[in-house]
N, C-alpha and C. Protein backbone atom coordinates (compact mmCIF):
# COMPACT_ATOMS: atom_id res chain seq x y z
N UNK A 1 73.58 148.60 131.05
CA UNK A 1 72.53 147.58 130.50
C UNK A 1 71.68 147.52 131.32
N UNK A 2 70.37 147.39 130.38
CA UNK A 2 69.34 147.65 131.04
C UNK A 2 68.62 146.34 130.81
N UNK A 3 68.26 145.62 132.10
CA UNK A 3 67.72 143.91 132.04
C UNK A 3 65.80 144.09 131.93
N UNK A 4 65.67 143.20 131.39
CA UNK A 4 64.17 143.38 131.48
C UNK A 4 63.20 142.06 132.68
N UNK A 5 64.29 142.05 133.70
CA UNK A 5 63.83 140.77 134.66
C UNK A 5 61.98 141.93 135.16
N UNK A 6 61.59 140.52 135.23
CA UNK A 6 60.13 140.76 135.90
C UNK A 6 60.33 141.07 137.42
N UNK A 7 59.36 142.35 137.66
CA UNK A 7 59.57 143.04 139.28
C UNK A 7 59.04 140.98 139.92
N UNK A 8 59.61 141.36 141.39
CA UNK A 8 59.31 140.74 142.22
C UNK A 8 57.94 140.69 142.75
N UNK A 9 57.27 141.83 142.82
CA UNK A 9 56.11 141.94 143.35
C UNK A 9 55.32 142.70 142.08
N UNK A 10 54.30 142.01 142.06
CA UNK A 10 53.30 142.39 140.67
C UNK A 10 52.07 143.24 140.76
N UNK A 11 51.91 144.80 141.29
CA UNK A 11 50.21 145.01 141.27
C UNK A 11 48.68 143.84 140.37
N UNK A 12 47.91 144.52 140.83
CA UNK A 12 46.73 143.83 140.24
C UNK A 12 46.38 143.25 138.86
N UNK A 13 47.06 144.51 137.87
CA UNK A 13 46.68 144.68 136.27
C UNK A 13 48.21 144.10 135.83
N UNK A 14 49.12 143.96 136.65
CA UNK A 14 50.40 143.41 136.40
C UNK A 14 49.91 141.74 136.18
N UNK A 15 49.25 141.48 137.27
CA UNK A 15 49.30 140.07 137.62
C UNK A 15 48.44 138.98 136.55
N UNK A 16 47.30 140.12 136.17
CA UNK A 16 46.18 140.00 135.20
C UNK A 16 46.87 139.52 133.96
N UNK A 17 47.21 140.58 133.93
CA UNK A 17 48.49 140.71 132.40
C UNK A 17 49.09 139.39 132.32
N UNK A 18 49.93 138.69 133.31
CA UNK A 18 50.54 137.32 133.69
C UNK A 18 49.73 136.52 133.16
N UNK A 19 49.26 136.35 134.21
CA UNK A 19 47.84 135.00 134.02
C UNK A 19 46.74 135.01 132.87
N UNK A 20 46.95 136.07 132.26
CA UNK A 20 45.86 136.13 131.05
C UNK A 20 44.13 135.70 132.47
N UNK A 21 44.09 136.66 133.36
CA UNK A 21 43.29 136.37 133.96
C UNK A 21 42.82 137.80 134.29
N UNK A 22 41.12 138.11 134.37
CA UNK A 22 40.85 140.00 134.74
C UNK A 22 40.96 140.21 135.89
N UNK A 23 41.40 141.82 135.75
CA UNK A 23 41.41 141.82 137.10
C UNK A 23 40.79 141.87 137.88
N UNK A 24 38.87 141.54 137.86
CA UNK A 24 38.17 141.81 138.21
C UNK A 24 38.03 140.04 138.76
N UNK A 25 38.29 139.16 137.85
CA UNK A 25 38.12 137.70 138.98
C UNK A 25 39.82 137.69 139.97
N UNK A 26 40.92 138.81 139.72
CA UNK A 26 41.21 138.95 141.46
C UNK A 26 40.72 139.04 142.37
N UNK A 27 40.54 140.12 142.01
CA UNK A 27 39.22 140.85 143.41
C UNK A 27 38.16 140.17 143.61
N UNK A 28 37.81 139.40 143.43
CA UNK A 28 36.74 138.57 143.50
C UNK A 28 36.95 137.34 144.38
N UNK A 29 38.58 136.41 143.64
CA UNK A 29 39.39 135.56 144.38
C UNK A 29 40.02 136.04 145.72
N UNK A 30 40.31 136.74 145.69
CA UNK A 30 40.57 137.21 146.94
C UNK A 30 39.70 137.65 148.31
N UNK A 31 38.48 137.47 147.98
CA UNK A 31 37.10 137.59 149.10
C UNK A 31 36.88 136.30 149.36
N UNK A 32 37.51 135.33 148.95
CA UNK A 32 37.02 133.77 149.27
C UNK A 32 39.10 132.88 148.70
N UNK A 33 38.89 132.49 150.12
CA UNK A 33 40.09 132.16 150.78
C UNK A 33 40.15 131.22 150.17
N UNK A 34 41.76 130.88 149.29
CA UNK A 34 42.39 129.74 148.76
C UNK A 34 41.28 129.53 147.27
N UNK A 35 41.01 130.39 146.50
CA UNK A 35 40.18 130.10 145.14
C UNK A 35 41.01 130.97 144.39
N UNK A 36 41.94 132.10 144.73
CA UNK A 36 42.87 132.56 143.58
C UNK A 36 44.37 132.73 144.92
N UNK A 37 45.43 133.58 143.36
CA UNK A 37 46.56 132.58 143.60
C UNK A 37 46.66 133.95 145.29
N UNK A 38 47.61 133.19 145.92
CA UNK A 38 48.41 134.36 147.45
C UNK A 38 48.43 135.37 146.91
N UNK A 39 48.05 136.78 148.06
CA UNK A 39 48.25 137.86 147.20
C UNK A 39 48.52 138.80 148.72
N UNK A 40 49.34 139.68 148.88
CA UNK A 40 49.84 140.65 150.05
C UNK A 40 48.95 141.65 150.05
N UNK A 41 48.89 142.27 151.40
CA UNK A 41 48.01 143.40 151.24
C UNK A 41 49.64 144.43 151.89
N UNK A 42 49.69 145.55 151.67
CA UNK A 42 50.11 146.84 152.48
C UNK A 42 49.35 148.35 152.06
N UNK A 43 49.12 148.41 153.44
CA UNK A 43 48.27 149.63 153.20
C UNK A 43 47.22 148.70 152.49
N UNK A 44 46.96 149.71 151.71
CA UNK A 44 45.37 149.75 150.25
C UNK A 44 46.20 148.78 149.28
N UNK A 45 47.34 149.02 149.03
CA UNK A 45 48.07 148.20 148.14
C UNK A 45 47.21 146.18 148.22
N UNK A 46 47.08 145.74 147.07
CA UNK A 46 47.41 144.55 146.77
C UNK A 46 48.70 143.99 145.54
N UNK A 47 49.45 143.02 146.21
CA UNK A 47 50.82 142.72 145.64
C UNK A 47 50.44 141.53 145.43
N UNK A 48 51.76 141.14 144.42
CA UNK A 48 51.47 139.14 144.32
C UNK A 48 52.94 139.09 143.88
N UNK A 49 53.23 137.93 144.83
CA UNK A 49 54.34 137.44 144.39
C UNK A 49 54.80 136.77 142.84
N UNK A 50 56.07 137.12 142.56
CA UNK A 50 55.63 136.50 141.09
C UNK A 50 56.23 134.91 141.15
N UNK A 51 57.04 134.44 142.00
CA UNK A 51 56.91 132.76 142.43
C UNK A 51 55.83 132.66 142.76
N UNK A 52 54.76 133.44 144.24
CA UNK A 52 54.03 132.37 144.77
C UNK A 52 53.21 132.51 143.80
N UNK A 53 53.21 133.35 142.38
CA UNK A 53 52.55 132.77 140.72
C UNK A 53 52.34 131.82 139.94
N UNK A 54 53.87 131.71 139.69
CA UNK A 54 54.29 130.50 139.37
C UNK A 54 54.09 129.24 140.15
N UNK A 55 54.25 129.39 141.12
CA UNK A 55 52.92 127.78 142.50
C UNK A 55 52.34 127.48 141.95
N UNK A 56 50.80 129.17 142.09
CA UNK A 56 50.13 128.59 142.30
C UNK A 56 49.00 127.96 140.77
N UNK A 57 50.19 128.66 139.73
CA UNK A 57 49.56 128.06 138.85
C UNK A 57 49.99 126.64 138.25
N UNK A 58 51.05 126.17 138.76
CA UNK A 58 51.13 124.59 138.57
C UNK A 58 50.23 123.94 139.37
N UNK A 59 49.91 124.55 140.37
CA UNK A 59 49.24 123.85 141.45
C UNK A 59 47.74 123.41 140.31
N UNK A 60 47.45 124.32 139.85
CA UNK A 60 45.59 124.35 138.56
C UNK A 60 46.19 123.52 138.17
N UNK A 61 47.02 122.92 137.48
CA UNK A 61 46.94 121.96 136.77
C UNK A 61 46.08 120.35 136.86
N UNK A 62 45.75 120.13 136.04
CA UNK A 62 44.85 118.68 136.04
C UNK A 62 44.96 117.97 134.74
N UNK A 63 45.11 117.25 135.04
CA UNK A 63 44.95 115.79 134.25
C UNK A 63 46.48 116.01 133.70
N UNK A 64 46.42 114.78 133.06
CA UNK A 64 47.68 114.63 132.24
C UNK A 64 49.06 114.18 132.12
N UNK A 65 49.58 115.04 131.28
CA UNK A 65 51.18 114.87 132.05
C UNK A 65 51.74 113.55 132.15
N UNK A 66 53.25 113.52 132.47
CA UNK A 66 53.96 112.19 133.03
C UNK A 66 53.57 111.28 133.96
N UNK A 67 52.82 111.80 135.11
CA UNK A 67 52.30 110.74 135.90
C UNK A 67 51.42 109.73 135.60
N UNK A 68 50.19 110.54 134.50
CA UNK A 68 49.03 109.83 134.22
C UNK A 68 49.89 108.64 133.63
N UNK A 69 51.03 109.42 132.42
CA UNK A 69 51.06 108.22 131.88
C UNK A 69 52.09 106.84 132.46
N UNK A 70 52.80 107.67 133.28
CA UNK A 70 53.41 106.60 134.05
C UNK A 70 52.26 105.19 134.55
N UNK A 71 51.24 106.29 135.18
CA UNK A 71 50.32 105.42 135.96
C UNK A 71 49.52 104.34 134.91
N UNK A 72 49.27 104.86 133.30
CA UNK A 72 48.23 103.75 132.54
C UNK A 72 49.12 103.40 131.79
N UNK A 73 51.16 103.51 131.76
CA UNK A 73 51.21 102.21 131.41
C UNK A 73 51.58 101.35 132.40
N UNK A 74 51.07 101.42 133.41
CA UNK A 74 51.44 99.52 134.02
C UNK A 74 50.17 99.35 134.45
N UNK A 75 48.85 99.60 133.65
CA UNK A 75 47.77 98.76 133.83
C UNK A 75 47.85 98.36 132.74
N UNK A 76 46.78 96.81 133.30
CA UNK A 76 46.18 95.84 131.53
C UNK A 76 44.92 95.97 131.84
């Protein structure tokens, strides 16, 4: 039986598709430390760990959410 699990390591094109970003953005982000998702270099290949991508996306969230609602509820 075949599974449809996401591979743990993704190349740039796969990562761009998964995140809805361009491969060009990812290439530029690799040149500025901390500006894009963490990546792994293996020789000339650039790979992204799927778990790291999930964490990076969570870290990009701004405002809203449960924390904001809780903070505002206590204010009068």
